[in-house]
Amino acid sequence: MKRRTAREKAVQCLFQIDMAQVGLSEAIEMVMEGEEEEGLDYLTFLVEGTIQHLPQIDHELKKYLRGWQLERIANVDRAILRLAFFELMYEPELPEKVVLNEAVELAKRFSDEQSYRFVNGVLSSFLKERQQTQV
């Protein structure tokens, strides 16, 4: 399974965990139904990592929602943003532009036509502020 596919499946898992309140293992089983287990480790890493760091991710994410509440944004957009924030905050070896691009592509695929702009804006604001504090 390619990393892009793992991210797609991770968003699906995070969505199910958030909306249907299923357990992590059950969510992974559902998205992997009928799929080969190749790449399962990376998918599991993404979902477990996001869930494990969810309080920190949500705390940071809320700072960049400007006029929105986390609970009010579309569920799929919340899942995409949480995954992207996990990767940006806890996977420093991943290029920021790759994470940003992948999140935008996920929004284009799974959400409505305006969502990718919202996702891009939130992540760009986070990255801009992070770059300014690193100088």
C-alpha atoms as a PDB file:
ATOM      1  CA  MET A   1       0.000   0.000   0.000  1.00  0.00           C
ATOM      2  CA  LYS A   2       1.372   3.393  -0.943  1.00  0.00           C
ATOM      3  CA  ARG A   3       1.593   6.151   1.636  1.00  0.00           C
ATOM      4  CA  ARG A   4      -1.178   8.086  -0.133  1.00  0.00           C
ATOM      5  CA  THR A   5      -3.468   5.070   0.158  1.00  0.00           C
ATOM      6  CA  ALA A   6      -2.520   4.671   3.821  1.00  0.00           C
ATOM      7  CA  ARG A   7      -3.435   8.330   4.407  1.00  0.00           C
ATOM      8  CA  GLU A   8      -6.775   7.852   2.652  1.00  0.00           C
ATOM      9  CA  LYS A   9      -7.536   4.851   4.810  1.00  0.00           C
ATOM     10  CA  ALA A  10      -6.321   6.691   7.920  1.00  0.00           C
ATOM     11  CA  VAL A  11      -8.787   9.519   7.231  1.00  0.00           C
ATOM     12  CA  GLN A  12     -11.544   6.935   6.843  1.00  0.00           C
ATOM     13  CA  CYS A  13     -10.561   5.356  10.170  1.00  0.00           C
ATOM     14  CA  LEU A  14     -10.392   8.695  11.978  1.00  0.00           C
ATOM     15  CA  PHE A  15     -13.790   9.618  10.549  1.00  0.00           C
ATOM     16  CA  GLN A  16     -15.313   6.355  11.818  1.00  0.00           C
ATOM     17  CA  ILE A  17     -13.712   6.679  15.225  1.00  0.00           C
ATOM     18  CA  ASP A  18     -14.998  10.248  15.535  1.00  0.00           C
ATOM     19  CA  MET A  19     -18.500   9.713  14.118  1.00  0.00           C
ATOM     20  CA  ALA A  20     -19.446   6.123  14.890  1.00  0.00           C
ATOM     21  CA  GLN A  21     -17.256   5.974  17.987  1.00  0.00           C
ATOM     22  CA  VAL A  22     -15.846   2.618  16.960  1.00  0.00           C
ATOM     23  CA  GLY A  23     -12.587   1.391  18.389  1.00  0.00           C
ATOM     24  CA  LEU A  24      -9.282   1.797  16.609  1.00  0.00           C
ATOM     25  CA  SER A  25      -8.924  -1.885  15.731  1.00  0.00           C
ATOM     26  CA  GLU A  26     -12.486  -2.098  14.459  1.00  0.00           C
ATOM     27  CA  ALA A  27     -12.034   1.010  12.283  1.00  0.00           C
ATOM     28  CA  ILE A  28      -8.860  -0.393  10.746  1.00  0.00           C
ATOM     29  CA  GLU A  29     -10.546  -3.752  10.133  1.00  0.00           C
ATOM     30  CA  MET A  30     -13.429  -2.033   8.346  1.00  0.00           C
ATOM     31  CA  VAL A  31     -11.240  -0.010   5.975  1.00  0.00           C
ATOM     32  CA  MET A  32      -8.955  -2.955   5.304  1.00  0.00           C
ATOM     33  CA  GLU A  33     -11.798  -5.353   4.492  1.00  0.00           C
ATOM     34  CA  GLY A  34     -10.908  -7.139   1.285  1.00  0.00           C
ATOM     35  CA  GLU A  35      -7.507  -5.404   1.071  1.00  0.00           C
ATOM     36  CA  GLU A  36      -4.056  -6.929   1.265  1.00  0.00           C
ATOM     37  CA  GLU A  37      -2.306  -6.320   4.552  1.00  0.00           C
ATOM     38  CA  GLU A  38       0.706  -4.733   2.884  1.00  0.00           C
ATOM     39  CA  GLY A  39       1.178  -1.262   4.351  1.00  0.00           C
ATOM     40  CA  LEU A  40      -0.973  -2.006   7.371  1.00  0.00           C
ATOM     41  CA  ASP A  41       1.866  -0.992   9.706  1.00  0.00           C
ATOM     42  CA  TYR A  42       1.999   2.544   8.305  1.00  0.00           C
ATOM     43  CA  LEU A  43      -1.789   2.899   8.398  1.00  0.00           C
ATOM     44  CA  THR A  44      -1.839   1.713  11.998  1.00  0.00           C
ATOM     45  CA  PHE A  45       1.003   4.103  12.877  1.00  0.00           C
ATOM     46  CA  LEU A  46      -0.925   7.066  11.421  1.00  0.00           C
ATOM     47  CA  VAL A  47      -4.210   6.261  13.140  1.00  0.00           C
ATOM     48  CA  GLU A  48      -2.689   5.286  16.501  1.00  0.00           C
ATOM     49  CA  GLY A  49      -0.404   8.316  16.490  1.00  0.00           C
ATOM     50  CA  THR A  50      -3.222  10.717  15.702  1.00  0.00           C
ATOM     51  CA  ILE A  51      -5.471   9.240  18.392  1.00  0.00           C
ATOM     52  CA  GLN A  52      -2.645   9.119  20.943  1.00  0.00           C
ATOM     53  CA  HIS A  53      -1.826  12.796  20.415  1.00  0.00           C
ATOM     54  CA  LEU A  54      -5.390  13.982  19.813  1.00  0.00           C
ATOM     55  CA  PRO A  55      -5.573  16.420  22.765  1.00  0.00           C
ATOM     56  CA  GLN A  56      -2.352  18.156  21.675  1.00  0.00           C
ATOM     57  CA  ILE A  57      -3.368  18.094  17.999  1.00  0.00           C
ATOM     58  CA  ASP A  58      -6.809  19.564  18.699  1.00  0.00           C
ATOM     59  CA  HIS A  59      -5.324  22.219  20.973  1.00  0.00           C
ATOM     60  CA  GLU A  60      -2.935  23.326  18.239  1.00  0.00           C
ATOM     61  CA  LEU A  61      -5.496  22.980  15.450  1.00  0.00           C
ATOM     62  CA  LYS A  62      -8.024  25.226  17.212  1.00  0.00           C
ATOM     63  CA  LYS A  63      -5.551  28.131  17.066  1.00  0.00           C
ATOM     64  CA  TYR A  64      -5.760  28.179  13.253  1.00  0.00           C
ATOM     65  CA  LEU A  65      -9.490  27.748  12.663  1.00  0.00           C
ATOM     66  CA  ARG A  66     -10.152  31.522  12.680  1.00  0.00           C
ATOM     67  CA  GLY A  67     -13.863  31.985  13.144  1.00  0.00           C
ATOM     68  CA  TRP A  68     -14.646  28.278  13.289  1.00  0.00           C
ATOM     69  CA  GLN A  69     -15.052  25.846  16.128  1.00  0.00           C
ATOM     70  CA  LEU A  70     -13.482  22.416  15.760  1.00  0.00           C
ATOM     71  CA  GLU A  71     -16.798  20.717  16.447  1.00  0.00           C
ATOM     72  CA  ARG A  72     -18.523  22.754  13.699  1.00  0.00           C
ATOM     73  CA  ILE A  73     -16.247  21.949  10.772  1.00  0.00           C
ATOM     74  CA  ALA A  74     -17.149  19.060   8.484  1.00  0.00           C
ATOM     75  CA  ASN A  75     -16.286  15.705  10.015  1.00  0.00           C
ATOM     76  CA  VAL A  76     -14.148  14.612   7.097  1.00  0.00           C
ATOM     77  CA  ASP A  77     -12.262  17.935   7.122  1.00  0.00           C
ATOM     78  CA  ARG A  78     -11.609  17.487  10.835  1.00  0.00           C
ATOM     79  CA  ALA A  79     -10.196  14.003  10.181  1.00  0.00           C
ATOM     80  CA  ILE A  80      -7.972  15.313   7.361  1.00  0.00           C
ATOM     81  CA  LEU A  81      -6.688  18.201   9.462  1.00  0.00           C
ATOM     82  CA  ARG A  82      -6.018  16.000  12.477  1.00  0.00           C
ATOM     83  CA  LEU A  83      -4.000  13.584  10.360  1.00  0.00           C
ATOM     84  CA  ALA A  84      -2.021  16.413   8.746  1.00  0.00           C
ATOM     85  CA  PHE A  85      -1.321  18.055  12.107  1.00  0.00           C
ATOM     86  CA  PHE A  86      -0.125  14.706  13.460  1.00  0.00           C
ATOM     87  CA  GLU A  87       2.301  14.355  10.586  1.00  0.00           C
ATOM     88  CA  LEU A  88       3.500  17.961  10.839  1.00  0.00           C
ATOM     89  CA  MET A  89       3.878  17.920  14.621  1.00  0.00           C
ATOM     90  CA  TYR A  90       5.235  14.410  15.195  1.00  0.00           C
ATOM     91  CA  GLU A  91       6.926  13.360  11.956  1.00  0.00           C
ATOM     92  CA  PRO A  92       9.602  16.030  11.411  1.00  0.00           C
ATOM     93  CA  GLU A  93      11.365  14.061   8.664  1.00  0.00           C
ATOM     94  CA  LEU A  94       8.331  14.372   6.366  1.00  0.00           C
ATOM     95  CA  PRO A  95       8.582  17.406   4.079  1.00  0.00           C
ATOM     96  CA  GLU A  96       5.963  19.987   5.060  1.00  0.00           C
ATOM     97  CA  LYS A  97       4.959  20.561   1.445  1.00  0.00           C
ATOM     98  CA  VAL A  98       4.246  16.861   0.992  1.00  0.00           C
ATOM     99  CA  VAL A  99       1.975  16.799   4.045  1.00  0.00           C
ATOM    100  CA  LEU A 100       0.193  19.971   2.898  1.00  0.00           C
ATOM    101  CA  ASN A 101      -0.282  18.654  -0.634  1.00  0.00           C
ATOM    102  CA  GLU A 102      -1.530  15.273   0.570  1.00  0.00           C
ATOM    103  CA  ALA A 103      -4.063  16.927   2.893  1.00  0.00           C
ATOM    104  CA  VAL A 104      -5.357  19.156   0.081  1.00  0.00           C
ATOM    105  CA  GLU A 105      -5.676  16.137  -2.223  1.00  0.00           C
ATOM    106  CA  LEU A 106      -7.555  14.232   0.493  1.00  0.00           C
ATOM    107  CA  ALA A 107      -9.955  17.161   0.876  1.00  0.00           C
ATOM    108  CA  LYS A 108     -10.494  17.281  -2.890  1.00  0.00           C
ATOM    109  CA  ARG A 109     -11.238  13.563  -2.916  1.00  0.00           C
ATOM    110  CA  PHE A 110     -13.380  13.151   0.189  1.00  0.00           C
ATOM    111  CA  SER A 111     -14.975  16.530   0.840  1.00  0.00           C
ATOM    112  CA  ASP A 112     -16.773  19.258  -1.084  1.00  0.00           C
ATOM    113  CA  GLU A 113     -15.138  21.587  -3.580  1.00  0.00           C
ATOM    114  CA  GLN A 114     -14.574  24.385  -1.048  1.00  0.00           C
ATOM    115  CA  SER A 115     -12.977  22.225   1.639  1.00  0.00           C
ATOM    116  CA  TYR A 116      -9.570  21.915   0.038  1.00  0.00           C
ATOM    117  CA  ARG A 117      -9.177  25.704   0.269  1.00  0.00           C
ATOM    118  CA  PHE A 118     -10.126  25.632   3.937  1.00  0.00           C
ATOM    119  CA  VAL A 119      -7.703  22.782   4.654  1.00  0.00           C
ATOM    120  CA  ASN A 120      -4.954  24.564   2.719  1.00  0.00           C
ATOM    121  CA  GLY A 121      -5.568  27.822   4.602  1.00  0.00           C
ATOM    122  CA  VAL A 122      -5.488  26.216   8.052  1.00  0.00           C
ATOM    123  CA  LEU A 123      -2.333  24.237   7.341  1.00  0.00           C
ATOM    124  CA  SER A 124      -0.605  27.157   5.599  1.00  0.00           C
ATOM    125  CA  SER A 125      -1.287  29.398   8.612  1.00  0.00           C
ATOM    126  CA  PHE A 126       0.167  26.795  10.945  1.00  0.00           C
ATOM    127  CA  LEU A 127       3.269  26.338   8.781  1.00  0.00           C
ATOM    128  CA  LYS A 128       3.786  30.085   8.338  1.00  0.00           C
ATOM    129  CA  GLU A 129       3.669  30.698  12.081  1.00  0.00           C
ATOM    130  CA  ARG A 130       5.913  27.719  12.758  1.00  0.00           C
ATOM    131  CA  GLN A 131       8.502  29.012  10.270  1.00  0.00           C
ATOM    132  CA  GLN A 132       8.416  32.456  11.874  1.00  0.00           C
ATOM    133  CA  THR A 133       9.044  31.038  15.342  1.00  0.00           C
ATOM    134  CA  GLN A 134      11.965  28.917  14.078  1.00  0.00           C
ATOM    135  CA  VAL A 135      13.862  31.928  12.732  1.00  0.00           C
END
